[in-house]
Amino acid sequence: MVLDIEDEQNSKDSNVITKDINTFEDYVSANGYAKTSTYVMRYWLTIQRVLDAQLHDKNLWVASMVLLSAVIHVKHGNLQVHGIIMVTKLI
């Protein structure tokens, strides 16, 4: 079971978010889910929006977006396509 905590409607208070994560993880663990983890952006850990040192379950799925972009221009006959390709990945 994975908890995705990144909703912007969640509290901005690090203590509240961390408590919410612990409450959820403790509840699902107590109810038979032995394998749990929290999905969180690396940035939230960096700015201490989530206090990882206080988490009961240290199993984190950390998202770090790497954005690669390329501008493409394709011409085929009378058709011209211009666009941007963006690729993201989790690291």
Protein backbone atom coordinates (compact mmCIF):
# COMPACT_ATOMS: atom_id res chain seq x y z
CA MET A 1 0.00 0.00 0.00
CA VAL A 2 1.42 3.37 -0.99
CA LEU A 3 0.31 6.70 0.46
CA ASP A 4 0.62 9.64 -1.96
CA ILE A 5 0.86 12.71 0.27
CA GLU A 6 1.48 15.38 -2.37
CA ASP A 7 -1.95 16.98 -2.63
CA GLU A 8 -1.61 20.76 -2.31
CA GLN A 9 -4.77 20.80 -0.15
CA ASN A 10 -2.82 19.10 2.63
CA SER A 11 -1.55 21.24 5.44
CA LYS A 12 1.58 23.29 4.82
CA ASP A 13 2.62 22.57 8.43
CA SER A 14 5.38 19.94 8.40
CA ASN A 15 4.36 18.58 11.78
CA VAL A 16 0.75 18.08 10.64
CA ILE A 17 1.75 16.36 7.39
CA THR A 18 4.21 14.10 9.16
CA LYS A 19 1.60 13.21 11.81
CA ASP A 20 -0.96 12.47 9.06
CA ILE A 21 1.50 10.14 7.33
CA ASN A 22 2.29 8.33 10.58
CA THR A 23 -1.40 8.00 11.47
CA PHE A 24 -2.24 6.49 8.07
CA GLU A 25 0.80 4.17 7.99
CA ASP A 26 0.20 2.98 11.56
CA TYR A 27 -3.49 2.33 10.81
CA VAL A 28 -2.96 0.30 7.64
CA SER A 29 -0.06 -1.62 9.21
CA ALA A 30 -2.23 -2.49 12.23
CA ASN A 31 -4.90 -3.74 9.82
CA GLY A 32 -2.73 -6.25 8.01
CA TYR A 33 -0.87 -4.31 5.34
CA ALA A 34 2.70 -5.34 6.09
CA LYS A 35 4.28 -3.56 3.14
CA THR A 36 3.59 0.16 3.09
CA SER A 37 5.41 3.15 1.74
CA THR A 38 4.95 6.88 1.24
CA TYR A 39 5.26 8.54 -2.16
CA VAL A 40 6.74 12.01 -1.77
CA MET A 41 8.64 14.51 -3.88
CA ARG A 42 12.34 14.90 -3.08
CA TYR A 43 11.71 18.66 -2.86
CA TRP A 44 9.27 18.16 0.04
CA LEU A 45 11.99 16.27 1.91
CA THR A 46 14.60 18.89 1.05
CA ILE A 47 12.51 21.78 2.37
CA GLN A 48 11.37 19.65 5.34
CA ARG A 49 7.70 19.80 4.40
CA VAL A 50 7.76 16.12 5.38
CA LEU A 51 9.94 15.42 8.40
CA ASP A 52 11.42 12.11 7.32
CA ALA A 53 13.39 11.64 10.55
CA GLN A 54 10.08 11.52 12.45
CA LEU A 55 8.35 9.02 10.16
CA HIS A 56 7.50 5.65 11.73
CA ASP A 57 7.82 3.87 8.38
CA LYS A 58 11.05 4.80 6.61
CA ASN A 59 10.05 3.11 3.34
CA LEU A 60 9.79 6.09 0.97
CA TRP A 61 9.16 6.21 -2.76
CA VAL A 62 10.90 9.46 -3.61
CA ALA A 63 9.96 11.24 -6.81
CA SER A 64 12.49 13.49 -8.42
CA MET A 65 11.49 14.86 -11.75
CA VAL A 66 14.07 15.16 -14.45
CA LEU A 67 12.68 17.19 -17.29
CA LEU A 68 14.14 16.77 -20.73
CA SER A 69 12.74 18.87 -23.50
CA ALA A 70 13.31 19.21 -27.18
CA VAL A 71 11.76 21.48 -29.75
CA ILE A 72 10.75 19.67 -32.90
CA HIS A 73 10.03 20.99 -36.33
CA VAL A 74 8.79 18.47 -38.87
CA LYS A 75 7.93 19.23 -42.46
CA HIS A 76 6.23 16.64 -44.61
CA GLY A 77 4.85 17.93 -47.85
CA ASN A 78 2.53 20.83 -47.01
CA LEU A 79 2.21 19.74 -43.38
CA GLN A 80 4.39 21.46 -40.82
CA VAL A 81 4.39 20.44 -37.17
CA HIS A 82 6.01 22.46 -34.44
CA GLY A 83 5.97 21.32 -30.88
CA ILE A 84 7.79 20.56 -27.71
CA ILE A 85 8.45 17.08 -26.42
CA MET A 86 8.86 16.76 -22.66
CA VAL A 87 9.91 13.59 -20.89
CA THR A 88 9.87 13.09 -17.16
CA LYS A 89 11.07 10.18 -15.12
CA LEU A 90 11.25 9.14 -11.52
CA ILE A 91 14.71 8.73 -10.09
